[in-house]
Amino acid sequence: IKPKLEEKSVYRSVVLSAVIGGILLITSILLNGGYLSQFISANVIFQILDITIRVLVILFFFIFMTISIGNYKELTGKPLDFKFIMLIFIFSLIQSFRDSIVFSFTLVGLLLIIVYLFFVQEN
């Protein structure tokens, strides 16, 4: 009974993480697509806040999609391989290509997350 309950909670995690990832993707498209940037004033504080939010949305998208796909792979009994992580990595970078500052911070953040996951996976 316990393995079935655990499988159900992992499946719920797959769905919930994918939904949150989808919401973050839509938010990222709106923010990084320039659709909402017209409302940002020339104030430096608002610009810094805008860049920070855009970078964090992309990084959280990466994290939640990695969790979703990783849990799905766990359900199917296969490990999360490097090609899926790279696919999500590239998809995350594509979201930030319109702004070089957002792209740079996103790239650094994604690399730090991948290095962290690599070291956690080793242990």
PDB file of N, CA and C in Angstrom:
ATOM      1  N   ILE A   1       0.830  -1.189   0.000  1.00  0.00           N
ATOM      2  CA  ILE A   1       0.000   0.000   0.000  1.00  0.00           C
ATOM      3  C   ILE A   1       0.873   1.250   0.000  1.00  0.00           C
ATOM      4  N   LYS A   2       1.951   1.227   0.746  1.00  0.00           N
ATOM      5  CA  LYS A   2       2.805   2.406   0.844  1.00  0.00           C
ATOM      6  C   LYS A   2       3.461   2.771  -0.494  1.00  0.00           C
ATOM      7  N   PRO A   3       3.994   1.800  -1.284  1.00  0.00           N
ATOM      8  CA  PRO A   3       4.573   2.182  -2.571  1.00  0.00           C
ATOM      9  C   PRO A   3       3.545   2.827  -3.508  1.00  0.00           C
ATOM     10  N   LYS A   4       2.298   2.359  -3.451  1.00  0.00           N
ATOM     11  CA  LYS A   4       1.261   2.933  -4.302  1.00  0.00           C
ATOM     12  C   LYS A   4       0.975   4.382  -3.901  1.00  0.00           C
ATOM     13  N   LEU A   5       0.954   4.638  -2.589  1.00  0.00           N
ATOM     14  CA  LEU A   5       0.740   5.992  -2.092  1.00  0.00           C
ATOM     15  C   LEU A   5       1.905   6.896  -2.486  1.00  0.00           C
ATOM     16  N   GLU A   6       3.121   6.368  -2.398  1.00  0.00           N
ATOM     17  CA  GLU A   6       4.299   7.145  -2.783  1.00  0.00           C
ATOM     18  C   GLU A   6       4.278   7.446  -4.276  1.00  0.00           C
ATOM     19  N   GLU A   7       3.858   6.474  -5.086  1.00  0.00           N
ATOM     20  CA  GLU A   7       3.769   6.679  -6.524  1.00  0.00           C
ATOM     21  C   GLU A   7       2.742   7.758  -6.849  1.00  0.00           C
ATOM     22  N   LYS A   8       1.644   7.760  -6.119  1.00  0.00           N
ATOM     23  CA  LYS A   8       0.606   8.765  -6.340  1.00  0.00           C
ATOM     24  C   LYS A   8       1.114  10.163  -5.999  1.00  0.00           C
ATOM     25  N   SER A   9       1.876  10.278  -4.915  1.00  0.00           N
ATOM     26  CA  SER A   9       2.406  11.594  -4.538  1.00  0.00           C
ATOM     27  C   SER A   9       3.471  12.067  -5.525  1.00  0.00           C
ATOM     28  N   VAL A  10       4.250  11.145  -6.072  1.00  0.00           N
ATOM     29  CA  VAL A  10       5.239  11.517  -7.083  1.00  0.00           C
ATOM     30  C   VAL A  10       4.528  11.980  -8.351  1.00  0.00           C
ATOM     31  N   TYR A  11       3.456  11.288  -8.736  1.00  0.00           N
ATOM     32  CA  TYR A  11       2.686  11.693  -9.915  1.00  0.00           C
ATOM     33  C   TYR A  11       2.085  13.080  -9.698  1.00  0.00           C
ATOM     34  N   ARG A  12       1.562  13.320  -8.498  1.00  0.00           N
ATOM     35  CA  ARG A  12       0.994  14.632  -8.175  1.00  0.00           C
ATOM     36  C   ARG A  12       2.077  15.706  -8.270  1.00  0.00           C
ATOM     37  N   SER A  13       3.279  15.373  -7.837  1.00  0.00           N
ATOM     38  CA  SER A  13       4.398  16.307  -7.925  1.00  0.00           C
ATOM     39  C   SER A  13       4.763  16.604  -9.379  1.00  0.00           C
ATOM     40  N   VAL A  14       4.696  15.580 -10.233  1.00  0.00           N
ATOM     41  CA  VAL A  14       4.972  15.769 -11.664  1.00  0.00           C
ATOM     42  C   VAL A  14       3.999  16.783 -12.248  1.00  0.00           C
ATOM     43  N   VAL A  15       2.715  16.574 -11.977  1.00  0.00           N
ATOM     44  CA  VAL A  15       1.683  17.442 -12.542  1.00  0.00           C
ATOM     45  C   VAL A  15       1.792  18.859 -11.977  1.00  0.00           C
ATOM     46  N   LEU A  16       1.918  18.965 -10.663  1.00  0.00           N
ATOM     47  CA  LEU A  16       1.989  20.283 -10.031  1.00  0.00           C
ATOM     48  C   LEU A  16       3.220  21.060 -10.498  1.00  0.00           C
ATOM     49  N   SER A  17       4.352  20.399 -10.574  1.00  0.00           N
ATOM     50  CA  SER A  17       5.576  21.068 -11.032  1.00  0.00           C
ATOM     51  C   SER A  17       5.456  21.505 -12.486  1.00  0.00           C
ATOM     52  N   ALA A  18       4.819  20.676 -13.319  1.00  0.00           N
ATOM     53  CA  ALA A  18       4.632  21.036 -14.725  1.00  0.00           C
ATOM     54  C   ALA A  18       3.687  22.228 -14.863  1.00  0.00           C
ATOM     55  N   VAL A  19       2.626  22.255 -14.064  1.00  0.00           N
ATOM     56  CA  VAL A  19       1.684  23.381 -14.112  1.00  0.00           C
ATOM     57  C   VAL A  19       2.377  24.670 -13.673  1.00  0.00           C
ATOM     58  N   ILE A  20       3.121  24.603 -12.577  1.00  0.00           N
ATOM     59  CA  ILE A  20       3.850  25.789 -12.108  1.00  0.00           C
ATOM     60  C   ILE A  20       4.880  26.217 -13.157  1.00  0.00           C
ATOM     61  N   GLY A  21       5.567  25.246 -13.763  1.00  0.00           N
ATOM     62  CA  GLY A  21       6.520  25.560 -14.827  1.00  0.00           C
ATOM     63  C   GLY A  21       5.848  26.231 -16.011  1.00  0.00           C
ATOM     64  N   GLY A  22       4.651  25.760 -16.380  1.00  0.00           N
ATOM     65  CA  GLY A  22       3.901  26.377 -17.474  1.00  0.00           C
ATOM     66  C   GLY A  22       3.489  27.803 -17.159  1.00  0.00           C
ATOM     67  N   ILE A  23       3.038  28.025 -15.928  1.00  0.00           N
ATOM     68  CA  ILE A  23       2.672  29.383 -15.507  1.00  0.00           C
ATOM     69  C   ILE A  23       3.896  30.298 -15.545  1.00  0.00           C
ATOM     70  N   LEU A  24       5.027  29.781 -15.087  1.00  0.00           N
ATOM     71  CA  LEU A  24       6.261  30.572 -15.121  1.00  0.00           C
ATOM     72  C   LEU A  24       6.711  30.844 -16.556  1.00  0.00           C
ATOM     73  N   LEU A  25       6.490  29.888 -17.460  1.00  0.00           N
ATOM     74  CA  LEU A  25       6.838  30.094 -18.866  1.00  0.00           C
ATOM     75  C   LEU A  25       5.998  31.216 -19.470  1.00  0.00           C
ATOM     76  N   ILE A  26       4.696  31.192 -19.213  1.00  0.00           N
ATOM     77  CA  ILE A  26       3.821  32.246 -19.729  1.00  0.00           C
ATOM     78  C   ILE A  26       4.217  33.598 -19.144  1.00  0.00           C
ATOM     79  N   THR A  27       4.496  33.614 -17.844  1.00  0.00           N
ATOM     80  CA  THR A  27       4.941  34.851 -17.195  1.00  0.00           C
ATOM     81  C   THR A  27       6.246  35.343 -17.810  1.00  0.00           C
ATOM     82  N   SER A  28       7.161  34.427 -18.062  1.00  0.00           N
ATOM     83  CA  SER A  28       8.444  34.788 -18.655  1.00  0.00           C
ATOM     84  C   SER A  28       8.268  35.354 -20.060  1.00  0.00           C
ATOM     85  N   ILE A  29       7.388  34.753 -20.836  1.00  0.00           N
ATOM     86  CA  ILE A  29       7.140  35.253 -22.195  1.00  0.00           C
ATOM     87  C   ILE A  29       6.580  36.670 -22.141  1.00  0.00           C
ATOM     88  N   LEU A  30       5.657  36.904 -21.202  1.00  0.00           N
ATOM     89  CA  LEU A  30       5.094  38.250 -21.065  1.00  0.00           C
ATOM     90  C   LEU A  30       6.152  39.262 -20.618  1.00  0.00           C
ATOM     91  N   LEU A  31       6.970  38.870 -19.651  1.00  0.00           N
ATOM     92  CA  LEU A  31       7.978  39.795 -19.124  1.00  0.00           C
ATOM     93  C   LEU A  31       9.144  39.994 -20.090  1.00  0.00           C
ATOM     94  N   ASN A  32       9.667  38.905 -20.639  1.00  0.00           N
ATOM     95  CA  ASN A  32      10.852  38.986 -21.494  1.00  0.00           C
ATOM     96  C   ASN A  32      10.521  39.284 -22.944  1.00  0.00           C
ATOM     97  N   GLY A  33       9.257  39.149 -23.309  1.00  0.00           N
ATOM     98  CA  GLY A  33       8.855  39.465 -24.674  1.00  0.00           C
ATOM     99  C   GLY A  33       8.671  40.947 -24.912  1.00  0.00           C
ATOM    100  N   GLY A  34       8.772  41.732 -23.858  1.00  0.00           N
ATOM    101  CA  GLY A  34       8.631  43.172 -24.005  1.00  0.00           C
ATOM    102  C   GLY A  34       7.198  43.652 -23.915  1.00  0.00           C
ATOM    103  N   TYR A  35       6.277  42.743 -23.603  1.00  0.00           N
ATOM    104  CA  TYR A  35       4.869  43.128 -23.558  1.00  0.00           C
ATOM    105  C   TYR A  35       4.549  44.003 -22.352  1.00  0.00           C
ATOM    106  N   LEU A  36       5.252  43.799 -21.249  1.00  0.00           N
ATOM    107  CA  LEU A  36       4.980  44.567 -20.040  1.00  0.00           C
ATOM    108  C   LEU A  36       6.055  45.606 -19.747  1.00  0.00           C
ATOM    109  N   SER A  37       7.130  45.609 -20.529  1.00  0.00           N
ATOM    110  CA  SER A  37       8.237  46.524 -20.239  1.00  0.00           C
ATOM    111  C   SER A  37       7.881  47.975 -20.526  1.00  0.00           C
ATOM    112  N   GLN A  38       6.842  48.208 -21.292  1.00  0.00           N
ATOM    113  CA  GLN A  38       6.445  49.585 -21.574  1.00  0.00           C
ATOM    114  C   GLN A  38       5.906  50.284 -20.327  1.00  0.00           C
ATOM    115  N   PHE A  39       5.544  49.497 -19.313  1.00  0.00           N
ATOM    116  CA  PHE A  39       5.031  50.076 -18.078  1.00  0.00           C
ATOM    117  C   PHE A  39       6.139  50.372 -17.067  1.00  0.00           C
ATOM    118  N   ILE A  40       7.355  49.945 -17.364  1.00  0.00           N
ATOM    119  CA  ILE A  40       8.488  50.194 -16.474  1.00  0.00           C
ATOM    120  C   ILE A  40       9.023  51.596 -16.765  1.00  0.00           C
ATOM    121  N   SER A  41       9.132  52.399 -15.747  1.00  0.00           N
ATOM    122  CA  SER A  41       9.608  53.769 -15.932  1.00  0.00           C
ATOM    123  C   SER A  41      11.128  53.780 -16.079  1.00  0.00           C
ATOM    124  N   ALA A  42      11.659  54.952 -16.282  1.00  0.00           N
ATOM    125  CA  ALA A  42      13.102  55.108 -16.446  1.00  0.00           C
ATOM    126  C   ALA A  42      13.832  55.099 -15.104  1.00  0.00           C
ATOM    127  N   ASN A  43      13.118  54.891 -14.028  1.00  0.00           N
ATOM    128  CA  ASN A  43      13.712  54.843 -12.699  1.00  0.00           C
ATOM    129  C   ASN A  43      14.625  53.620 -12.595  1.00  0.00           C
ATOM    130  N   VAL A  44      15.838  53.824 -12.125  1.00  0.00           N
ATOM    131  CA  VAL A  44      16.835  52.753 -12.054  1.00  0.00           C
ATOM    132  C   VAL A  44      16.376  51.623 -11.130  1.00  0.00           C
ATOM    133  N   ILE A  45      15.743  51.963 -10.036  1.00  0.00           N
ATOM    134  CA  ILE A  45      15.285  50.932  -9.089  1.00  0.00           C
ATOM    135  C   ILE A  45      14.258  50.018  -9.747  1.00  0.00           C
ATOM    136  N   PHE A  46      13.335  50.597 -10.515  1.00  0.00           N
ATOM    137  CA  PHE A  46      12.335  49.778 -11.201  1.00  0.00           C
ATOM    138  C   PHE A  46      12.977  48.912 -12.283  1.00  0.00           C
ATOM    139  N   GLN A  47      13.993  49.432 -12.946  1.00  0.00           N
ATOM    140  CA  GLN A  47      14.686  48.644 -13.963  1.00  0.00           C
ATOM    141  C   GLN A  47      15.435  47.473 -13.338  1.00  0.00           C
ATOM    142  N   ILE A  48      16.090  47.711 -12.207  1.00  0.00           N
ATOM    143  CA  ILE A  48      16.788  46.623 -11.505  1.00  0.00           C
ATOM    144  C   ILE A  48      15.787  45.577 -11.033  1.00  0.00           C
ATOM    145  N   LEU A  49      14.670  46.031 -10.497  1.00  0.00           N
ATOM    146  CA  LEU A  49      13.615  45.120 -10.053  1.00  0.00           C
ATOM    147  C   LEU A  49      13.058  44.316 -11.225  1.00  0.00           C
ATOM    148  N   ASP A  50      12.873  44.973 -12.366  1.00  0.00           N
ATOM    149  CA  ASP A  50      12.371  44.302 -13.568  1.00  0.00           C
ATOM    150  C   ASP A  50      13.338  43.209 -14.024  1.00  0.00           C
ATOM    151  N   ILE A  51      14.615  43.517 -14.083  1.00  0.00           N
ATOM    152  CA  ILE A  51      15.622  42.535 -14.505  1.00  0.00           C
ATOM    153  C   ILE A  51      15.677  41.372 -13.522  1.00  0.00           C
ATOM    154  N   THR A  52      15.649  41.681 -12.231  1.00  0.00           N
ATOM    155  CA  THR A  52      15.700  40.633 -11.206  1.00  0.00           C
ATOM    156  C   THR A  52      14.508  39.697 -11.318  1.00  0.00           C
ATOM    157  N   ILE A  53      13.328  40.251 -11.492  1.00  0.00           N
ATOM    158  CA  ILE A  53      12.119  39.422 -11.605  1.00  0.00           C
ATOM    159  C   ILE A  53      12.186  38.550 -12.849  1.00  0.00           C
ATOM    160  N   ARG A  54      12.620  39.128 -13.974  1.00  0.00           N
ATOM    161  CA  ARG A  54      12.698  38.344 -15.212  1.00  0.00           C
ATOM    162  C   ARG A  54      13.685  37.189 -15.092  1.00  0.00           C
ATOM    163  N   VAL A  55      14.833  37.436 -14.473  1.00  0.00           N
ATOM    164  CA  VAL A  55      15.830  36.373 -14.287  1.00  0.00           C
ATOM    165  C   VAL A  55      15.289  35.299 -13.352  1.00  0.00           C
ATOM    166  N   LEU A  56      14.693  35.705 -12.241  1.00  0.00           N
ATOM    167  CA  LEU A  56      14.180  34.731 -11.267  1.00  0.00           C
ATOM    168  C   LEU A  56      13.057  33.875 -11.844  1.00  0.00           C
ATOM    169  N   VAL A  57      12.197  34.470 -12.664  1.00  0.00           N
ATOM    170  CA  VAL A  57      11.118  33.693 -13.285  1.00  0.00           C
ATOM    171  C   VAL A  57      11.705  32.601 -14.173  1.00  0.00           C
ATOM    172  N   ILE A  58      12.728  32.932 -14.946  1.00  0.00           N
ATOM    173  CA  ILE A  58      13.360  31.931 -15.816  1.00  0.00           C
ATOM    174  C   ILE A  58      14.047  30.849 -14.986  1.00  0.00           C
ATOM    175  N   LEU A  59      14.748  31.241 -13.934  1.00  0.00           N
ATOM    176  CA  LEU A  59      15.436  30.254 -13.097  1.00  0.00           C
ATOM    177  C   LEU A  59      14.440  29.329 -12.400  1.00  0.00           C
ATOM    178  N   PHE A  60      13.341  29.884 -11.907  1.00  0.00           N
ATOM    179  CA  PHE A  60      12.327  29.039 -11.277  1.00  0.00           C
ATOM    180  C   PHE A  60      11.655  28.131 -12.302  1.00  0.00           C
ATOM    181  N   PHE A  61      11.475  28.618 -13.543  1.00  0.00           N
ATOM    182  CA  PHE A  61      10.958  27.760 -14.614  1.00  0.00           C
ATOM    183  C   PHE A  61      11.874  26.555 -14.790  1.00  0.00           C
ATOM    184  N   PHE A  62      13.177  26.804 -14.857  1.00  0.00           N
ATOM    185  CA  PHE A  62      14.147  25.722 -15.027  1.00  0.00           C
ATOM    186  C   PHE A  62      14.055  24.721 -13.882  1.00  0.00           C
ATOM    187  N   ILE A  63      13.992  25.230 -12.660  1.00  0.00           N
ATOM    188  CA  ILE A  63      13.942  24.351 -11.488  1.00  0.00           C
ATOM    189  C   ILE A  63      12.676  23.499 -11.498  1.00  0.00           C
ATOM    190  N   PHE A  64      11.524  24.122 -11.716  1.00  0.00           N
ATOM    191  CA  PHE A  64      10.270  23.368 -11.667  1.00  0.00           C
ATOM    192  C   PHE A  64      10.147  22.373 -12.819  1.00  0.00           C
ATOM    193  N   MET A  65      10.624  22.727 -14.003  1.00  0.00           N
ATOM    194  CA  MET A  65      10.560  21.777 -15.109  1.00  0.00           C
ATOM    195  C   MET A  65      11.538  20.622 -14.890  1.00  0.00           C
ATOM    196  N   THR A  66      12.686  20.893 -14.305  1.00  0.00           N
ATOM    197  CA  THR A  66      13.629  19.824 -13.979  1.00  0.00           C
ATOM    198  C   THR A  66      13.029  18.880 -12.947  1.00  0.00           C
ATOM    199  N   ILE A  67      12.365  19.435 -11.943  1.00  0.00           N
ATOM    200  CA  ILE A  67      11.697  18.604 -10.932  1.00  0.00           C
ATOM    201  C   ILE A  67      10.611  17.754 -11.577  1.00  0.00           C
ATOM    202  N   SER A  68       9.806  18.366 -12.437  1.00  0.00           N
ATOM    203  CA  SER A  68       8.709  17.639 -13.070  1.00  0.00           C
ATOM    204  C   SER A  68       9.223  16.484 -13.932  1.00  0.00           C
ATOM    205  N   ILE A  69      10.185  16.770 -14.786  1.00  0.00           N
ATOM    206  CA  ILE A  69      10.714  15.721 -15.664  1.00  0.00           C
ATOM    207  C   ILE A  69      11.484  14.681 -14.859  1.00  0.00           C
ATOM    208  N   GLY A  70      12.225  15.117 -13.844  1.00  0.00           N
ATOM    209  CA  GLY A  70      12.954  14.174 -12.990  1.00  0.00           C
ATOM    210  C   GLY A  70      12.022  13.229 -12.259  1.00  0.00           C
ATOM    211  N   ASN A  71      10.929  13.753 -11.723  1.00  0.00           N
ATOM    212  CA  ASN A  71       9.960  12.892 -11.039  1.00  0.00           C
ATOM    213  C   ASN A  71       9.254  11.958 -12.011  1.00  0.00           C
ATOM    214  N   TYR A  72       8.977  12.450 -13.217  1.00  0.00           N
ATOM    215  CA  TYR A  72       8.370  11.574 -14.224  1.00  0.00           C
ATOM    216  C   TYR A  72       9.326  10.438 -14.583  1.00  0.00           C
ATOM    217  N   LYS A  73      10.589  10.773 -14.752  1.00  0.00           N
ATOM    218  CA  LYS A  73      11.578   9.733 -15.060  1.00  0.00           C
ATOM    219  C   LYS A  73      11.690   8.736 -13.912  1.00  0.00           C
ATOM    220  N   GLU A  74      11.564   9.222 -12.678  1.00  0.00           N
ATOM    221  CA  GLU A  74      11.602   8.328 -11.522  1.00  0.00           C
ATOM    222  C   GLU A  74      10.404   7.377 -11.542  1.00  0.00           C
ATOM    223  N   LEU A  75       9.249   7.876 -11.949  1.00  0.00           N
ATOM    224  CA  LEU A  75       8.060   7.018 -12.049  1.00  0.00           C
ATOM    225  C   LEU A  75       8.249   5.925 -13.087  1.00  0.00           C
ATOM    226  N   THR A  76       8.907   6.260 -14.186  1.00  0.00           N
ATOM    227  CA  THR A  76       9.112   5.278 -15.249  1.00  0.00           C
ATOM    228  C   THR A  76      10.320   4.391 -14.992  1.00  0.00           C
ATOM    229  N   GLY A  77      11.066   4.699 -13.926  1.00  0.00           N
ATOM    230  CA  GLY A  77      12.210   3.864 -13.570  1.00  0.00           C
ATOM    231  C   GLY A  77      13.476   4.183 -14.325  1.00  0.00           C
ATOM    232  N   LYS A  78      13.503   5.329 -14.978  1.00  0.00           N
ATOM    233  CA  LYS A  78      14.691   5.724 -15.733  1.00  0.00           C
ATOM    234  C   LYS A  78      15.307   6.953 -15.074  1.00  0.00           C
ATOM    235  N   PRO A  79      16.620   7.084 -15.138  1.00  0.00           N
ATOM    236  CA  PRO A  79      17.246   8.278 -14.549  1.00  0.00           C
ATOM    237  C   PRO A  79      17.064   9.499 -15.457  1.00  0.00           C
ATOM    238  N   LEU A  80      17.113  10.660 -14.847  1.00  0.00           N
ATOM    239  CA  LEU A  80      17.065  11.910 -15.612  1.00  0.00           C
ATOM    240  C   LEU A  80      18.415  12.075 -16.293  1.00  0.00           C
ATOM    241  N   ASP A  81      18.412  11.995 -17.608  1.00  0.00           N
ATOM    242  CA  ASP A  81      19.686  12.067 -18.313  1.00  0.00           C
ATOM    243  C   ASP A  81      20.029  13.508 -18.692  1.00  0.00           C
ATOM    244  N   PHE A  82      21.257  13.676 -19.101  1.00  0.00           N
ATOM    245  CA  PHE A  82      21.825  14.995 -19.350  1.00  0.00           C
ATOM    246  C   PHE A  82      21.127  15.714 -20.496  1.00  0.00           C
ATOM    247  N   LYS A  83      20.615  14.979 -21.488  1.00  0.00           N
ATOM    248  CA  LYS A  83      20.007  15.647 -22.646  1.00  0.00           C
ATOM    249  C   LYS A  83      18.735  16.393 -22.261  1.00  0.00           C
ATOM    250  N   PHE A  84      17.970  15.877 -21.301  1.00  0.00           N
ATOM    251  CA  PHE A  84      16.773  16.591 -20.861  1.00  0.00           C
ATOM    252  C   PHE A  84      17.141  17.856 -20.101  1.00  0.00           C
ATOM    253  N   ILE A  85      18.179  17.770 -19.283  1.00  0.00           N
ATOM    254  CA  ILE A  85      18.625  18.957 -18.552  1.00  0.00           C
ATOM    255  C   ILE A  85      19.131  20.012 -19.538  1.00  0.00           C
ATOM    256  N   MET A  86      19.869  19.596 -20.550  1.00  0.00           N
ATOM    257  CA  MET A  86      20.361  20.543 -21.554  1.00  0.00           C
ATOM    258  C   MET A  86      19.220  21.133 -22.375  1.00  0.00           C
ATOM    259  N   LEU A  87      18.198  20.335 -22.662  1.00  0.00           N
ATOM    260  CA  LEU A  87      17.041  20.837 -23.404  1.00  0.00           C
ATOM    261  C   LEU A  87      16.329  21.932 -22.611  1.00  0.00           C
ATOM    262  N   ILE A  88      16.115  21.701 -21.329  1.00  0.00           N
ATOM    263  CA  ILE A  88      15.482  22.713 -20.479  1.00  0.00           C
ATOM    264  C   ILE A  88      16.412  23.919 -20.332  1.00  0.00           C
ATOM    265  N   PHE A  89      17.710  23.672 -20.238  1.00  0.00           N
ATOM    266  CA  PHE A  89      18.707  24.745 -20.138  1.00  0.00           C
ATOM    267  C   PHE A  89      18.626  25.660 -21.358  1.00  0.00           C
ATOM    268  N   ILE A  90      18.635  25.070 -22.537  1.00  0.00           N
ATOM    269  CA  ILE A  90      18.577  25.856 -23.776  1.00  0.00           C
ATOM    270  C   ILE A  90      17.240  26.583 -23.883  1.00  0.00           C
ATOM    271  N   PHE A  91      16.157  25.895 -23.543  1.00  0.00           N
ATOM    272  CA  PHE A  91      14.832  26.511 -23.589  1.00  0.00           C
ATOM    273  C   PHE A  91      14.750  27.686 -22.618  1.00  0.00           C
ATOM    274  N   SER A  92      15.411  27.574 -21.485  1.00  0.00           N
ATOM    275  CA  SER A  92      15.438  28.672 -20.515  1.00  0.00           C
ATOM    276  C   SER A  92      16.238  29.855 -21.055  1.00  0.00           C
ATOM    277  N   LEU A  93      17.350  29.580 -21.710  1.00  0.00           N
ATOM    278  CA  LEU A  93      18.158  30.666 -22.268  1.00  0.00           C
ATOM    279  C   LEU A  93      17.449  31.375 -23.413  1.00  0.00           C
ATOM    280  N   ILE A  94      16.680  30.629 -24.197  1.00  0.00           N
ATOM    281  CA  ILE A  94      15.943  31.235 -25.306  1.00  0.00           C
ATOM    282  C   ILE A  94      14.986  32.309 -24.793  1.00  0.00           C
ATOM    283  N   GLN A  95      14.429  32.083 -23.599  1.00  0.00           N
ATOM    284  CA  GLN A  95      13.491  33.052 -23.037  1.00  0.00           C
ATOM    285  C   GLN A  95      14.149  34.400 -22.751  1.00  0.00           C
ATOM    286  N   SER A  96      15.459  34.422 -22.603  1.00  0.00           N
ATOM    287  CA  SER A  96      16.143  35.645 -22.176  1.00  0.00           C
ATOM    288  C   SER A  96      16.982  36.302 -23.270  1.00  0.00           C
ATOM    289  N   PHE A  97      16.873  35.857 -24.506  1.00  0.00           N
ATOM    290  CA  PHE A  97      17.800  36.321 -25.529  1.00  0.00           C
ATOM    291  C   PHE A  97      17.593  37.780 -25.952  1.00  0.00           C
ATOM    292  N   ARG A  98      16.463  38.390 -25.626  1.00  0.00           N
ATOM    293  CA  ARG A  98      16.194  39.762 -26.070  1.00  0.00           C
ATOM    294  C   ARG A  98      16.937  40.818 -25.262  1.00  0.00           C
ATOM    295  N   ASP A  99      17.401  40.459 -24.081  1.00  0.00           N
ATOM    296  CA  ASP A  99      18.077  41.421 -23.205  1.00  0.00           C
ATOM    297  C   ASP A  99      19.396  40.804 -22.744  1.00  0.00           C
ATOM    298  N   SER A 100      20.502  41.466 -23.083  1.00  0.00           N
ATOM    299  CA  SER A 100      21.813  40.885 -22.772  1.00  0.00           C
ATOM    300  C   SER A 100      22.070  40.792 -21.265  1.00  0.00           C
ATOM    301  N   ILE A 101      21.545  41.730 -20.495  1.00  0.00           N
ATOM    302  CA  ILE A 101      21.746  41.673 -19.042  1.00  0.00           C
ATOM    303  C   ILE A 101      20.984  40.494 -18.452  1.00  0.00           C
ATOM    304  N   VAL A 102      19.727  40.338 -18.860  1.00  0.00           N
ATOM    305  CA  VAL A 102      18.919  39.207 -18.381  1.00  0.00           C
ATOM    306  C   VAL A 102      19.556  37.899 -18.832  1.00  0.00           C
ATOM    307  N   PHE A 103      20.032  37.857 -20.069  1.00  0.00           N
ATOM    308  CA  PHE A 103      20.677  36.653 -20.591  1.00  0.00           C
ATOM    309  C   PHE A 103      21.910  36.296 -19.759  1.00  0.00           C
ATOM    310  N   SER A 104      22.736  37.289 -19.456  1.00  0.00           N
ATOM    311  CA  SER A 104      23.966  37.035 -18.697  1.00  0.00           C
ATOM    312  C   SER A 104      23.673  36.498 -17.300  1.00  0.00           C
ATOM    313  N   PHE A 105      22.766  37.161 -16.592  1.00  0.00           N
ATOM    314  CA  PHE A 105      22.431  36.707 -15.239  1.00  0.00           C
ATOM    315  C   PHE A 105      21.737  35.346 -15.262  1.00  0.00           C
ATOM    316  N   THR A 106      20.902  35.118 -16.273  1.00  0.00           N
ATOM    317  CA  THR A 106      20.235  33.824 -16.397  1.00  0.00           C
ATOM    318  C   THR A 106      21.254  32.724 -16.659  1.00  0.00           C
ATOM    319  N   LEU A 107      22.206  32.981 -17.539  1.00  0.00           N
ATOM    320  CA  LEU A 107      23.241  31.992 -17.844  1.00  0.00           C
ATOM    321  C   LEU A 107      24.039  31.636 -16.593  1.00  0.00           C
ATOM    322  N   VAL A 108      24.455  32.635 -15.846  1.00  0.00           N
ATOM    323  CA  VAL A 108      25.213  32.382 -14.616  1.00  0.00           C
ATOM    324  C   VAL A 108      24.356  31.602 -13.617  1.00  0.00           C
ATOM    325  N   GLY A 109      23.104  32.010 -13.458  1.00  0.00           N
ATOM    326  CA  GLY A 109      22.208  31.321 -12.527  1.00  0.00           C
ATOM    327  C   GLY A 109      21.966  29.877 -12.917  1.00  0.00           C
ATOM    328  N   LEU A 110      21.745  29.635 -14.206  1.00  0.00           N
ATOM    329  CA  LEU A 110      21.520  28.264 -14.672  1.00  0.00           C
ATOM    330  C   LEU A 110      22.759  27.401 -14.464  1.00  0.00           C
ATOM    331  N   LEU A 111      23.924  27.957 -14.754  1.00  0.00           N
ATOM    332  CA  LEU A 111      25.160  27.192 -14.548  1.00  0.00           C
ATOM    333  C   LEU A 111      25.361  26.865 -13.073  1.00  0.00           C
ATOM    334  N   LEU A 112      25.059  27.811 -12.193  1.00  0.00           N
ATOM    335  CA  LEU A 112      25.174  27.548 -10.755  1.00  0.00           C
ATOM    336  C   LEU A 112      24.198  26.459 -10.308  1.00  0.00           C
ATOM    337  N   ILE A 113      22.982  26.489 -10.838  1.00  0.00           N
ATOM    338  CA  ILE A 113      21.994  25.458 -10.488  1.00  0.00           C
ATOM    339  C   ILE A 113      22.459  24.090 -10.969  1.00  0.00           C
ATOM    340  N   ILE A 114      22.979  24.022 -12.192  1.00  0.00           N
ATOM    341  CA  ILE A 114      23.435  22.738 -12.734  1.00  0.00           C
ATOM    342  C   ILE A 114      24.629  22.210 -11.943  1.00  0.00           C
ATOM    343  N   VAL A 115      25.560  23.079 -11.594  1.00  0.00           N
ATOM    344  CA  VAL A 115      26.704  22.649 -10.777  1.00  0.00           C
ATOM    345  C   VAL A 115      26.214  22.144  -9.427  1.00  0.00           C
ATOM    346  N   TYR A 116      25.278  22.862  -8.817  1.00  0.00           N
ATOM    347  CA  TYR A 116      24.717  22.438  -7.532  1.00  0.00           C
ATOM    348  C   TYR A 116      24.049  21.067  -7.664  1.00  0.00           C
ATOM    349  N   LEU A 117      23.230  20.891  -8.704  1.00  0.00           N
ATOM    350  CA  LEU A 117      22.559  19.601  -8.901  1.00  0.00           C
ATOM    351  C   LEU A 117      23.569  18.485  -9.138  1.00  0.00           C
ATOM    352  N   PHE A 118      24.651  18.784  -9.846  1.00  0.00           N
ATOM    353  CA  PHE A 118      25.679  17.786 -10.100  1.00  0.00           C
ATOM    354  C   PHE A 118      26.319  17.327  -8.796  1.00  0.00           C
ATOM    355  N   PHE A 119      26.659  18.281  -7.927  1.00  0.00           N
ATOM    356  CA  PHE A 119      27.293  17.914  -6.662  1.00  0.00           C
ATOM    357  C   PHE A 119      26.321  17.224  -5.716  1.00  0.00           C
ATOM    358  N   VAL A 120      25.063  17.615  -5.725  1.00  0.00           N
ATOM    359  CA  VAL A 120      24.060  16.942  -4.891  1.00  0.00           C
ATOM    360  C   VAL A 120      23.841  15.525  -5.403  1.00  0.00           C
ATOM    361  N   GLN A 121      23.824  15.352  -6.711  1.00  0.00           N
ATOM    362  CA  GLN A 121      23.621  14.037  -7.315  1.00  0.00           C
ATOM    363  C   GLN A 121      24.780  13.109  -6.990  1.00  0.00           C
ATOM    364  N   GLU A 122      25.982  13.661  -6.923  1.00  0.00           N
ATOM    365  CA  GLU A 122      27.153  12.850  -6.599  1.00  0.00           C
ATOM    366  C   GLU A 122      27.068  12.293  -5.186  1.00  0.00           C
ATOM    367  N   ASN A 123      26.493  13.065  -4.275  1.00  0.00           N
ATOM    368  CA  ASN A 123      26.360  12.632  -2.879  1.00  0.00           C
ATOM    369  C   ASN A 123      25.074  11.889  -2.744  1.00  0.00           C
TER     370      ASN A 123
END
